[in-house]
């Protein structure tokens, strides 16, 4: 895992997390964070234990933006893979860093809105397809010499990410395999036809 080089003016504290470690809990706002290497998932869990993925943060992306407003954090952030996270004091960010943060958060808001719309109104097959496409260029994925992406993920993990249960997601994966969009193996899913998967995911 090669971390991104930190060139920002604000001093950063480096934190390392193993896969499945909790990076942040709901609570009082503190630092602003940037993923340097790996993959971090931001998600919520309701009183009944139902969870929903809000967004993934890939290297270069920020989270913990409530530190800028002082509002309470209402989500969890977990390291999906071994990850390196940089922690900043938001008061020390320069103008260039603030601009980069604004662009990243605008993109993150668009991504999160798409995720919530899929969760609220899209069939499960579309949500699964969109999730796999989102992860195909993340630290969870490897690519063959031909550029074929394989995502290392169990059916349980995928179900948690799309707000469903393993049995139902396994059925959907079977449908995608039969359609020629995926190849399924033990704890891994290979994208055979990205164009077909994108059609299934929808806009």
N, C-alpha and C. Protein backbone atom coordinates (compact mmCIF):
# COMPACT_ATOMS: atom_id res chain seq x y z
N UNK A 1 0.85 -1.19 0.00
CA UNK A 1 0.00 0.00 0.00
C UNK A 1 0.88 1.23 0.00
N UNK A 2 0.86 2.00 -1.08
CA UNK A 2 1.67 3.21 -1.21
C UNK A 2 0.81 4.42 -0.90
N UNK A 3 1.07 5.13 0.20
CA UNK A 3 0.23 6.28 0.54
C UNK A 3 0.49 7.45 -0.40
N UNK A 4 -0.54 8.26 -0.56
CA UNK A 4 -0.39 9.49 -1.33
C UNK A 4 0.52 10.44 -0.57
N UNK A 5 1.27 11.23 -1.29
CA UNK A 5 2.20 12.19 -0.67
C UNK A 5 1.42 13.40 -0.18
N UNK A 6 1.61 13.75 1.07
CA UNK A 6 0.92 14.91 1.64
C UNK A 6 1.71 16.17 1.35
N UNK A 7 1.10 17.09 0.60
CA UNK A 7 1.80 18.33 0.23
C UNK A 7 1.07 19.56 0.76
N UNK A 8 0.01 19.37 1.57
CA UNK A 8 -0.78 20.51 2.04
C UNK A 8 0.01 21.31 3.08
N UNK A 9 -0.41 22.57 3.24
CA UNK A 9 0.26 23.46 4.18
C UNK A 9 -0.06 23.09 5.62
N UNK A 10 -1.28 22.65 5.88
CA UNK A 10 -1.68 22.31 7.24
C UNK A 10 -0.97 21.04 7.69
N UNK A 11 -0.40 21.04 8.90
CA UNK A 11 0.27 19.83 9.40
C UNK A 11 -0.74 18.71 9.60
N UNK A 12 -0.33 17.51 9.28
CA UNK A 12 -1.24 16.36 9.38
C UNK A 12 -0.66 15.32 10.32
N UNK A 13 -1.54 14.67 11.06
CA UNK A 13 -1.17 13.54 11.90
C UNK A 13 -1.60 12.26 11.18
N UNK A 14 -0.68 11.34 11.04
CA UNK A 14 -0.94 10.11 10.29
C UNK A 14 -1.47 9.02 11.22
N UNK A 15 -2.56 8.39 10.80
CA UNK A 15 -3.15 7.29 11.56
C UNK A 15 -3.30 6.09 10.63
N UNK A 16 -2.99 4.92 11.13
CA UNK A 16 -3.10 3.70 10.33
C UNK A 16 -4.19 2.80 10.91
N UNK A 17 -4.95 2.17 10.03
CA UNK A 17 -6.06 1.30 10.43
C UNK A 17 -6.00 0.00 9.64
N UNK A 18 -6.35 -1.08 10.31
CA UNK A 18 -6.49 -2.36 9.63
C UNK A 18 -7.87 -2.49 9.03
N UNK A 19 -8.03 -3.44 8.12
CA UNK A 19 -9.33 -3.68 7.51
C UNK A 19 -10.36 -3.97 8.60
N UNK A 20 -11.53 -3.33 8.48
CA UNK A 20 -12.67 -3.46 9.39
C UNK A 20 -12.52 -2.66 10.68
N UNK A 21 -11.40 -1.96 10.87
CA UNK A 21 -11.27 -1.09 12.05
C UNK A 21 -12.23 0.10 11.93
N UNK A 22 -12.75 0.55 13.07
CA UNK A 22 -13.58 1.75 13.10
C UNK A 22 -12.67 2.96 13.14
N UNK A 23 -12.85 3.86 12.18
CA UNK A 23 -12.05 5.08 12.11
C UNK A 23 -12.70 6.18 12.93
N UNK A 24 -14.02 6.33 12.80
CA UNK A 24 -14.76 7.36 13.53
C UNK A 24 -16.09 6.80 14.02
N UNK A 25 -16.50 7.26 15.20
CA UNK A 25 -17.82 6.96 15.75
C UNK A 25 -18.69 8.21 15.69
N UNK A 26 -20.00 8.07 15.76
CA UNK A 26 -20.84 9.26 15.92
C UNK A 26 -20.45 10.02 17.18
N UNK A 27 -20.55 11.33 17.13
CA UNK A 27 -20.20 12.11 18.31
C UNK A 27 -19.74 13.51 17.96
N UNK A 28 -19.03 14.10 18.88
CA UNK A 28 -18.60 15.48 18.71
C UNK A 28 -17.60 15.61 17.57
N UNK A 29 -17.71 16.70 16.84
CA UNK A 29 -16.80 16.96 15.73
C UNK A 29 -15.41 17.28 16.27
N UNK A 30 -14.40 16.88 15.51
CA UNK A 30 -13.03 17.18 15.90
C UNK A 30 -12.19 17.55 14.70
N UNK A 31 -11.39 16.60 14.26
CA UNK A 31 -10.51 16.85 13.13
C UNK A 31 -11.23 16.65 11.79
N UNK A 32 -10.59 17.15 10.76
CA UNK A 32 -10.96 16.84 9.39
C UNK A 32 -10.00 15.75 8.93
N UNK A 33 -10.50 14.82 8.09
CA UNK A 33 -9.69 13.67 7.70
C UNK A 33 -9.59 13.56 6.19
N UNK A 34 -8.45 13.00 5.75
CA UNK A 34 -8.24 12.71 4.34
C UNK A 34 -7.64 11.32 4.23
N UNK A 35 -8.18 10.52 3.32
CA UNK A 35 -7.64 9.18 3.09
C UNK A 35 -6.37 9.31 2.26
N UNK A 36 -5.29 8.75 2.76
CA UNK A 36 -4.02 8.76 2.05
C UNK A 36 -3.82 7.46 1.27
N UNK A 37 -4.29 6.35 1.83
CA UNK A 37 -4.20 5.05 1.16
C UNK A 37 -5.31 4.16 1.69
N UNK A 38 -5.77 3.25 0.84
CA UNK A 38 -6.81 2.33 1.25
C UNK A 38 -8.21 2.79 0.86
N UNK A 39 -9.20 2.38 1.64
CA UNK A 39 -10.60 2.70 1.36
C UNK A 39 -11.36 2.79 2.67
N UNK A 40 -12.12 3.86 2.84
CA UNK A 40 -12.92 4.09 4.04
C UNK A 40 -14.39 4.17 3.65
N UNK A 41 -15.24 3.53 4.45
CA UNK A 41 -16.68 3.56 4.19
C UNK A 41 -17.38 4.37 5.27
N UNK A 42 -18.22 5.31 4.86
CA UNK A 42 -19.05 6.09 5.78
C UNK A 42 -20.45 5.49 5.75
N UNK A 43 -20.98 5.16 6.93
CA UNK A 43 -22.29 4.50 6.96
C UNK A 43 -23.04 4.85 8.23
N UNK A 44 -24.34 4.60 8.20
CA UNK A 44 -25.20 4.82 9.37
C UNK A 44 -25.82 3.51 9.80
N UNK A 45 -26.21 3.46 11.06
CA UNK A 45 -26.91 2.29 11.61
C UNK A 45 -28.06 2.82 12.47
N UNK A 46 -29.29 2.32 12.21
CA UNK A 46 -30.43 2.80 12.99
C UNK A 46 -30.60 1.97 14.27
N UNK A 47 -31.63 2.29 15.04
CA UNK A 47 -31.84 1.63 16.33
C UNK A 47 -32.13 0.14 16.19
N UNK A 48 -32.58 -0.28 15.02
CA UNK A 48 -32.87 -1.70 14.78
C UNK A 48 -31.68 -2.44 14.19
N UNK A 49 -30.57 -1.75 14.05
CA UNK A 49 -29.38 -2.38 13.50
C UNK A 49 -29.30 -2.37 11.99
N UNK A 50 -30.24 -1.68 11.32
CA UNK A 50 -30.22 -1.60 9.86
C UNK A 50 -29.21 -0.55 9.43
N UNK A 51 -28.31 -0.95 8.55
CA UNK A 51 -27.26 -0.04 8.12
C UNK A 51 -27.39 0.35 6.67
N UNK A 52 -26.83 1.50 6.33
CA UNK A 52 -26.82 1.97 4.94
C UNK A 52 -25.50 2.68 4.68
N UNK A 53 -24.86 2.32 3.58
CA UNK A 53 -23.63 2.98 3.17
C UNK A 53 -23.97 4.34 2.57
N UNK A 54 -23.33 5.38 3.06
CA UNK A 54 -23.54 6.72 2.52
C UNK A 54 -22.57 7.03 1.39
N UNK A 55 -21.30 6.66 1.57
CA UNK A 55 -20.32 6.87 0.52
C UNK A 55 -19.01 6.17 0.89
N UNK A 56 -18.18 5.99 -0.11
CA UNK A 56 -16.82 5.49 0.08
C UNK A 56 -15.85 6.64 -0.12
N UNK A 57 -14.77 6.64 0.64
CA UNK A 57 -13.74 7.65 0.46
C UNK A 57 -12.47 6.95 -0.01
N UNK A 58 -12.04 7.33 -1.18
CA UNK A 58 -10.84 6.77 -1.78
C UNK A 58 -9.66 7.71 -1.53
N UNK A 59 -8.43 7.30 -1.84
CA UNK A 59 -7.27 8.17 -1.58
C UNK A 59 -7.45 9.56 -2.18
N UNK A 60 -7.17 10.56 -1.36
CA UNK A 60 -7.34 11.96 -1.75
C UNK A 60 -8.65 12.56 -1.28
N UNK A 61 -9.62 11.71 -0.91
CA UNK A 61 -10.92 12.19 -0.48
C UNK A 61 -10.95 12.55 1.00
N UNK A 62 -11.86 13.47 1.34
CA UNK A 62 -11.99 13.97 2.70
C UNK A 62 -13.25 13.41 3.37
N UNK A 63 -13.23 13.37 4.69
CA UNK A 63 -14.43 13.12 5.48
C UNK A 63 -14.25 13.77 6.84
N UNK A 64 -15.32 13.75 7.64
CA UNK A 64 -15.26 14.47 8.92
C UNK A 64 -15.50 15.95 8.74
N UNK A 65 -16.23 16.31 7.66
CA UNK A 65 -16.42 17.73 7.33
C UNK A 65 -17.24 18.49 8.35
N UNK A 66 -17.95 17.79 9.23
CA UNK A 66 -18.70 18.50 10.28
C UNK A 66 -17.77 19.25 11.23
N UNK A 67 -16.47 18.94 11.17
CA UNK A 67 -15.49 19.71 11.96
C UNK A 67 -15.48 21.18 11.54
N UNK A 68 -15.92 21.46 10.31
CA UNK A 68 -15.96 22.84 9.83
C UNK A 68 -17.15 23.61 10.39
N UNK A 69 -18.20 22.89 10.79
CA UNK A 69 -19.42 23.53 11.28
C UNK A 69 -19.62 23.36 12.78
N UNK A 70 -18.91 22.41 13.38
CA UNK A 70 -19.07 22.14 14.80
C UNK A 70 -20.27 21.28 15.13
N UNK A 71 -20.95 20.76 14.11
CA UNK A 71 -22.12 19.91 14.37
C UNK A 71 -21.70 18.50 14.78
N UNK A 72 -22.62 17.81 15.44
CA UNK A 72 -22.36 16.44 15.85
C UNK A 72 -22.23 15.53 14.64
N UNK A 73 -21.30 14.59 14.72
CA UNK A 73 -21.16 13.58 13.66
C UNK A 73 -22.20 12.49 13.90
N UNK A 74 -22.92 12.10 12.84
CA UNK A 74 -24.01 11.14 12.97
C UNK A 74 -23.76 9.84 12.22
N UNK A 75 -22.54 9.55 11.91
CA UNK A 75 -22.23 8.37 11.13
C UNK A 75 -20.99 7.67 11.68
N UNK A 76 -20.79 6.46 11.21
CA UNK A 76 -19.57 5.71 11.46
C UNK A 76 -18.69 5.80 10.23
N UNK A 77 -17.39 5.69 10.43
CA UNK A 77 -16.45 5.53 9.31
C UNK A 77 -15.58 4.32 9.62
N UNK A 78 -15.56 3.36 8.71
CA UNK A 78 -14.79 2.14 8.89
C UNK A 78 -13.74 2.02 7.79
N UNK A 79 -12.59 1.43 8.13
CA UNK A 79 -11.59 1.11 7.11
C UNK A 79 -12.03 -0.19 6.43
N UNK A 80 -12.30 -0.13 5.15
CA UNK A 80 -12.69 -1.33 4.41
C UNK A 80 -11.47 -2.20 4.15
N UNK A 81 -10.34 -1.57 3.86
CA UNK A 81 -9.07 -2.25 3.69
C UNK A 81 -8.06 -1.63 4.65
N UNK A 82 -6.86 -2.19 4.72
CA UNK A 82 -5.80 -1.49 5.46
C UNK A 82 -5.70 -0.08 4.90
N UNK A 83 -5.71 0.90 5.78
CA UNK A 83 -5.82 2.29 5.32
C UNK A 83 -4.91 3.21 6.12
N UNK A 84 -4.50 4.29 5.46
CA UNK A 84 -3.77 5.37 6.12
C UNK A 84 -4.62 6.62 6.00
N UNK A 85 -4.87 7.26 7.14
CA UNK A 85 -5.73 8.44 7.20
C UNK A 85 -4.95 9.60 7.81
N UNK A 86 -5.07 10.76 7.20
CA UNK A 86 -4.44 11.98 7.72
C UNK A 86 -5.47 12.80 8.47
N UNK A 87 -5.12 13.28 9.65
CA UNK A 87 -6.00 14.10 10.47
C UNK A 87 -5.47 15.53 10.51
N UNK A 88 -6.38 16.50 10.24
CA UNK A 88 -6.01 17.92 10.19
C UNK A 88 -6.82 18.71 11.21
N UNK A 89 -6.25 19.80 11.67
CA UNK A 89 -7.01 20.82 12.36
C UNK A 89 -7.60 21.73 11.26
N UNK A 90 -8.93 21.77 11.09
CA UNK A 90 -9.50 22.53 9.97
C UNK A 90 -9.19 24.01 10.03
N UNK A 91 -8.85 24.53 11.20
CA UNK A 91 -8.53 25.95 11.33
C UNK A 91 -7.20 26.30 10.68
N UNK A 92 -6.40 25.30 10.36
CA UNK A 92 -5.08 25.54 9.79
C UNK A 92 -5.04 25.33 8.28
N UNK A 93 -6.18 25.09 7.67
CA UNK A 93 -6.21 24.90 6.22
C UNK A 93 -6.01 26.22 5.50
N UNK A 94 -5.20 26.19 4.45
CA UNK A 94 -5.00 27.37 3.62
C UNK A 94 -6.06 27.47 2.53
N UNK A 95 -5.98 28.54 1.74
CA UNK A 95 -6.99 28.79 0.71
C UNK A 95 -7.03 27.67 -0.33
N UNK A 96 -5.86 27.20 -0.77
CA UNK A 96 -5.81 26.14 -1.77
C UNK A 96 -6.41 24.85 -1.22
N UNK A 97 -6.13 24.56 0.04
CA UNK A 97 -6.68 23.35 0.66
C UNK A 97 -8.19 23.45 0.81
N UNK A 98 -8.67 24.62 1.16
CA UNK A 98 -10.11 24.81 1.29
C UNK A 98 -10.82 24.65 -0.06
N UNK A 99 -10.18 25.12 -1.12
CA UNK A 99 -10.76 24.94 -2.45
C UNK A 99 -10.81 23.46 -2.83
N UNK A 100 -9.72 22.75 -2.56
CA UNK A 100 -9.68 21.31 -2.85
C UNK A 100 -10.73 20.57 -2.03
N UNK A 101 -10.90 20.98 -0.77
CA UNK A 101 -11.92 20.38 0.09
C UNK A 101 -13.32 20.63 -0.46
N UNK A 102 -13.58 21.86 -0.91
CA UNK A 102 -14.91 22.20 -1.43
C UNK A 102 -15.24 21.37 -2.66
N UNK A 103 -14.27 21.21 -3.56
CA UNK A 103 -14.50 20.41 -4.77
C UNK A 103 -14.77 18.95 -4.40
N UNK A 104 -13.98 18.41 -3.47
CA UNK A 104 -14.16 17.02 -3.07
C UNK A 104 -15.50 16.81 -2.40
N UNK A 105 -15.92 17.72 -1.53
CA UNK A 105 -17.19 17.56 -0.83
C UNK A 105 -18.37 17.73 -1.77
N UNK A 106 -18.24 18.58 -2.79
CA UNK A 106 -19.31 18.71 -3.78
C UNK A 106 -19.49 17.40 -4.53
N UNK A 107 -18.37 16.78 -4.89
CA UNK A 107 -18.43 15.48 -5.58
C UNK A 107 -19.00 14.42 -4.64
N UNK A 108 -18.59 14.46 -3.37
CA UNK A 108 -19.09 13.48 -2.40
C UNK A 108 -20.58 13.63 -2.17
N UNK A 109 -21.06 14.87 -2.15
CA UNK A 109 -22.49 15.10 -1.97
C UNK A 109 -23.29 14.52 -3.13
N UNK A 110 -22.77 14.71 -4.35
CA UNK A 110 -23.44 14.15 -5.52
C UNK A 110 -23.47 12.63 -5.44
N UNK A 111 -22.34 12.03 -5.05
CA UNK A 111 -22.27 10.58 -4.93
C UNK A 111 -23.21 10.07 -3.85
N UNK A 112 -23.28 10.78 -2.72
CA UNK A 112 -24.15 10.35 -1.64
C UNK A 112 -25.62 10.48 -2.02
N UNK A 113 -25.96 11.55 -2.73
CA UNK A 113 -27.34 11.70 -3.19
C UNK A 113 -27.73 10.57 -4.13
N UNK A 114 -26.82 10.18 -5.01
CA UNK A 114 -27.10 9.07 -5.91
C UNK A 114 -27.31 7.78 -5.13
N UNK A 115 -26.48 7.56 -4.11
CA UNK A 115 -26.60 6.35 -3.29
C UNK A 115 -27.95 6.31 -2.57
N UNK A 116 -28.36 7.44 -2.01
CA UNK A 116 -29.62 7.49 -1.28
C UNK A 116 -30.81 7.31 -2.22
N UNK A 117 -30.72 7.88 -3.42
CA UNK A 117 -31.79 7.70 -4.40
C UNK A 117 -31.90 6.25 -4.83
N UNK A 118 -30.74 5.59 -5.00
CA UNK A 118 -30.77 4.17 -5.34
C UNK A 118 -31.39 3.36 -4.22
N UNK A 119 -31.01 3.70 -2.99
CA UNK A 119 -31.52 2.95 -1.84
C UNK A 119 -33.02 3.12 -1.70
N UNK A 120 -33.53 4.33 -2.01
CA UNK A 120 -34.94 4.62 -1.83
C UNK A 120 -35.80 4.15 -2.99
N UNK A 121 -35.26 4.21 -4.21
CA UNK A 121 -36.15 3.98 -5.34
C UNK A 121 -35.70 2.99 -6.39
N UNK A 122 -34.49 2.45 -6.27
CA UNK A 122 -33.99 1.53 -7.28
C UNK A 122 -34.14 0.08 -6.83
N UNK A 123 -34.39 -0.83 -7.77
CA UNK A 123 -34.42 -2.25 -7.40
C UNK A 123 -33.06 -2.72 -6.93
N UNK A 124 -33.05 -3.80 -6.17
CA UNK A 124 -31.80 -4.28 -5.57
C UNK A 124 -30.75 -4.59 -6.63
N UNK A 125 -31.15 -5.13 -7.75
CA UNK A 125 -30.17 -5.48 -8.78
C UNK A 125 -29.42 -4.23 -9.24
N UNK A 126 -30.11 -3.11 -9.40
CA UNK A 126 -29.46 -1.87 -9.81
C UNK A 126 -28.51 -1.38 -8.73
N UNK A 127 -28.91 -1.51 -7.47
CA UNK A 127 -28.05 -1.07 -6.37
C UNK A 127 -26.78 -1.92 -6.29
N UNK A 128 -26.91 -3.22 -6.47
CA UNK A 128 -25.74 -4.09 -6.44
C UNK A 128 -24.81 -3.76 -7.60
N UNK A 129 -25.36 -3.58 -8.80
CA UNK A 129 -24.54 -3.24 -9.96
C UNK A 129 -23.79 -1.93 -9.74
N UNK A 130 -24.49 -0.91 -9.24
CA UNK A 130 -23.86 0.40 -9.00
C UNK A 130 -22.77 0.29 -7.94
N UNK A 131 -23.01 -0.49 -6.91
CA UNK A 131 -22.02 -0.65 -5.83
C UNK A 131 -20.74 -1.28 -6.36
N UNK A 132 -20.88 -2.30 -7.18
CA UNK A 132 -19.71 -2.99 -7.72
C UNK A 132 -18.93 -2.09 -8.67
N UNK A 133 -19.63 -1.30 -9.47
CA UNK A 133 -18.94 -0.36 -10.35
C UNK A 133 -18.18 0.69 -9.53
N UNK A 134 -18.79 1.16 -8.44
CA UNK A 134 -18.14 2.15 -7.57
C UNK A 134 -16.86 1.59 -6.97
N UNK A 135 -16.87 0.31 -6.64
CA UNK A 135 -15.72 -0.31 -5.97
C UNK A 135 -14.68 -0.86 -6.93
N UNK A 136 -14.98 -0.83 -8.22
CA UNK A 136 -14.09 -1.47 -9.19
C UNK A 136 -12.75 -0.74 -9.36
N UNK A 137 -12.68 0.53 -8.91
CA UNK A 137 -11.41 1.25 -8.97
C UNK A 137 -10.94 1.65 -7.57
N UNK A 138 -11.32 0.85 -6.59
CA UNK A 138 -10.94 1.13 -5.21
C UNK A 138 -9.87 0.15 -4.74
N UNK A 139 -9.45 0.31 -3.48
CA UNK A 139 -8.45 -0.59 -2.92
C UNK A 139 -8.96 -2.00 -2.72
N UNK A 140 -10.27 -2.21 -2.85
CA UNK A 140 -10.83 -3.56 -2.77
C UNK A 140 -10.64 -4.34 -4.06
N UNK A 141 -10.27 -3.67 -5.13
CA UNK A 141 -10.23 -4.29 -6.44
C UNK A 141 -8.80 -4.47 -6.95
N UNK A 142 -8.63 -5.53 -7.73
CA UNK A 142 -7.41 -5.73 -8.49
C UNK A 142 -7.79 -5.83 -9.96
N UNK A 143 -6.84 -5.55 -10.83
CA UNK A 143 -7.11 -5.63 -12.27
C UNK A 143 -6.12 -6.56 -12.95
N UNK A 144 -6.65 -7.34 -13.86
CA UNK A 144 -5.81 -8.24 -14.64
C UNK A 144 -5.04 -7.44 -15.69
N UNK A 145 -4.15 -8.13 -16.40
CA UNK A 145 -3.39 -7.46 -17.46
C UNK A 145 -4.32 -6.92 -18.54
N UNK A 146 -5.49 -7.54 -18.68
CA UNK A 146 -6.48 -7.09 -19.67
C UNK A 146 -7.38 -5.97 -19.13
N UNK A 147 -7.18 -5.59 -17.88
CA UNK A 147 -7.98 -4.51 -17.30
C UNK A 147 -9.27 -4.96 -16.65
N UNK A 148 -9.45 -6.27 -16.46
CA UNK A 148 -10.67 -6.79 -15.84
C UNK A 148 -10.57 -6.64 -14.32
N UNK A 149 -11.60 -6.03 -13.73
CA UNK A 149 -11.59 -5.75 -12.29
C UNK A 149 -12.19 -6.90 -11.50
N UNK A 150 -11.51 -7.30 -10.43
CA UNK A 150 -12.02 -8.28 -9.48
C UNK A 150 -12.10 -7.63 -8.11
N UNK A 151 -13.28 -7.66 -7.50
CA UNK A 151 -13.52 -7.00 -6.22
C UNK A 151 -13.54 -8.06 -5.14
N UNK A 152 -12.73 -7.88 -4.12
CA UNK A 152 -12.65 -8.83 -3.01
C UNK A 152 -13.70 -8.44 -1.96
N UNK A 153 -14.79 -9.17 -1.96
CA UNK A 153 -15.92 -8.80 -1.10
C UNK A 153 -16.83 -10.01 -0.92
N UNK A 154 -17.28 -10.25 0.31
CA UNK A 154 -18.21 -11.34 0.54
C UNK A 154 -19.64 -10.88 0.26
N UNK A 155 -20.53 -11.85 0.14
CA UNK A 155 -21.94 -11.51 -0.07
C UNK A 155 -22.50 -10.77 1.14
N UNK A 156 -22.04 -11.12 2.33
CA UNK A 156 -22.49 -10.42 3.55
C UNK A 156 -22.08 -8.95 3.50
N UNK A 157 -20.84 -8.69 3.10
CA UNK A 157 -20.34 -7.31 3.04
C UNK A 157 -21.08 -6.51 1.98
N UNK A 158 -21.34 -7.14 0.84
CA UNK A 158 -22.08 -6.45 -0.21
C UNK A 158 -23.51 -6.16 0.23
N UNK A 159 -24.12 -7.11 0.92
CA UNK A 159 -25.49 -6.91 1.42
C UNK A 159 -25.55 -5.73 2.38
N UNK A 160 -24.57 -5.64 3.28
CA UNK A 160 -24.55 -4.53 4.22
C UNK A 160 -24.39 -3.20 3.50
N UNK A 161 -23.62 -3.21 2.41
CA UNK A 161 -23.37 -1.98 1.68
C UNK A 161 -24.58 -1.48 0.92
N UNK A 162 -25.46 -2.39 0.49
CA UNK A 162 -26.62 -1.99 -0.32
C UNK A 162 -27.92 -2.02 0.47
N UNK A 163 -27.84 -2.26 1.78
CA UNK A 163 -29.04 -2.24 2.61
C UNK A 163 -29.95 -3.43 2.40
N UNK A 164 -29.36 -4.63 2.30
CA UNK A 164 -30.16 -5.83 2.09
C UNK A 164 -29.62 -6.94 2.98
N UNK A 165 -29.97 -8.19 2.66
CA UNK A 165 -29.50 -9.35 3.42
C UNK A 165 -28.77 -10.28 2.46
N UNK A 166 -27.91 -11.13 3.03
CA UNK A 166 -27.04 -11.98 2.20
C UNK A 166 -27.82 -12.87 1.25
N UNK A 167 -28.88 -13.49 1.73
CA UNK A 167 -29.61 -14.44 0.89
C UNK A 167 -30.15 -13.76 -0.37
N UNK A 168 -30.70 -12.57 -0.21
CA UNK A 168 -31.27 -11.85 -1.35
C UNK A 168 -30.18 -11.38 -2.29
N UNK A 169 -29.08 -10.89 -1.74
CA UNK A 169 -27.97 -10.44 -2.57
C UNK A 169 -27.35 -11.61 -3.33
N UNK A 170 -27.26 -12.76 -2.70
CA UNK A 170 -26.73 -13.95 -3.38
C UNK A 170 -27.59 -14.30 -4.59
N UNK A 171 -28.89 -14.18 -4.44
CA UNK A 171 -29.80 -14.44 -5.57
C UNK A 171 -29.55 -13.44 -6.69
N UNK A 172 -29.39 -12.18 -6.36
CA UNK A 172 -29.14 -11.15 -7.37
C UNK A 172 -27.81 -11.39 -8.07
N UNK A 173 -26.78 -11.77 -7.31
CA UNK A 173 -25.48 -12.05 -7.92
C UNK A 173 -25.62 -13.20 -8.91
N UNK A 174 -26.40 -14.21 -8.55
CA UNK A 174 -26.63 -15.31 -9.48
C UNK A 174 -27.27 -14.84 -10.77
N UNK A 175 -28.21 -13.92 -10.68
CA UNK A 175 -28.85 -13.37 -11.88
C UNK A 175 -27.84 -12.60 -12.73
N UNK A 176 -26.97 -11.84 -12.09
CA UNK A 176 -25.96 -11.08 -12.82
C UNK A 176 -24.92 -12.00 -13.46
N UNK A 177 -24.61 -13.09 -12.79
CA UNK A 177 -23.70 -14.08 -13.37
C UNK A 177 -24.32 -14.71 -14.62
N UNK A 178 -25.58 -15.10 -14.51
CA UNK A 178 -26.25 -15.73 -15.66
C UNK A 178 -26.41 -14.76 -16.82
N UNK A 179 -26.53 -13.47 -16.51
CA UNK A 179 -26.65 -12.46 -17.56
C UNK A 179 -25.32 -12.17 -18.24
N UNK A 180 -24.22 -12.64 -17.65
CA UNK A 180 -22.90 -12.41 -18.23
C UNK A 180 -22.20 -11.18 -17.72
N UNK A 181 -22.77 -10.51 -16.72
CA UNK A 181 -22.16 -9.28 -16.21
C UNK A 181 -21.05 -9.57 -15.21
N UNK A 182 -21.18 -10.67 -14.46
CA UNK A 182 -20.23 -10.99 -13.39
C UNK A 182 -19.75 -12.43 -13.48
N UNK A 183 -18.62 -12.67 -12.83
CA UNK A 183 -18.15 -14.01 -12.52
C UNK A 183 -17.94 -14.05 -11.01
N UNK A 184 -18.53 -15.02 -10.35
CA UNK A 184 -18.47 -15.08 -8.89
C UNK A 184 -17.52 -16.17 -8.43
N UNK A 185 -16.71 -15.85 -7.42
CA UNK A 185 -15.83 -16.81 -6.78
C UNK A 185 -15.92 -16.65 -5.29
N UNK A 186 -15.08 -17.35 -4.55
CA UNK A 186 -15.11 -17.26 -3.09
C UNK A 186 -14.62 -15.88 -2.66
N UNK A 187 -15.52 -15.10 -2.05
CA UNK A 187 -15.22 -13.76 -1.54
C UNK A 187 -14.63 -12.84 -2.61
N UNK A 188 -15.03 -13.06 -3.86
CA UNK A 188 -14.59 -12.15 -4.91
C UNK A 188 -15.59 -12.16 -6.06
N UNK A 189 -15.71 -11.02 -6.71
CA UNK A 189 -16.62 -10.84 -7.83
C UNK A 189 -15.86 -10.16 -8.96
N UNK A 190 -15.85 -10.80 -10.12
CA UNK A 190 -15.14 -10.28 -11.28
C UNK A 190 -16.14 -9.68 -12.26
N UNK A 191 -15.88 -8.45 -12.68
CA UNK A 191 -16.76 -7.78 -13.63
C UNK A 191 -16.40 -8.24 -15.05
N UNK A 192 -17.30 -9.01 -15.65
CA UNK A 192 -17.07 -9.53 -17.00
C UNK A 192 -17.54 -8.55 -18.07
N UNK A 193 -18.58 -7.79 -17.77
CA UNK A 193 -19.14 -6.86 -18.76
C UNK A 193 -19.54 -5.58 -18.04
N UNK A 194 -18.61 -4.62 -17.99
CA UNK A 194 -18.85 -3.37 -17.26
C UNK A 194 -19.97 -2.56 -17.91
N UNK A 195 -20.06 -2.63 -19.24
CA UNK A 195 -21.11 -1.87 -19.92
C UNK A 195 -22.49 -2.39 -19.55
N UNK A 196 -22.65 -3.71 -19.51
CA UNK A 196 -23.93 -4.30 -19.12
C UNK A 196 -24.24 -3.96 -17.67
N UNK A 197 -23.22 -4.01 -16.81
CA UNK A 197 -23.42 -3.68 -15.41
C UNK A 197 -23.87 -2.22 -15.26
N UNK A 198 -23.30 -1.33 -16.05
CA UNK A 198 -23.69 0.08 -16.00
C UNK A 198 -25.12 0.27 -16.48
N UNK A 199 -25.53 -0.49 -17.47
CA UNK A 199 -26.92 -0.42 -17.95
C UNK A 199 -27.89 -0.86 -16.86
N UNK A 200 -27.51 -1.91 -16.14
CA UNK A 200 -28.36 -2.42 -15.06
C UNK A 200 -28.41 -1.41 -13.92
N UNK A 201 -27.27 -0.78 -13.62
CA UNK A 201 -27.21 0.20 -12.52
C UNK A 201 -28.08 1.42 -12.83
N UNK A 202 -28.14 1.80 -14.10
CA UNK A 202 -28.94 2.97 -14.47
C UNK A 202 -28.22 4.26 -14.14
N UNK A 203 -28.91 5.40 -14.40
CA UNK A 203 -28.29 6.71 -14.18
C UNK A 203 -28.08 7.02 -12.71
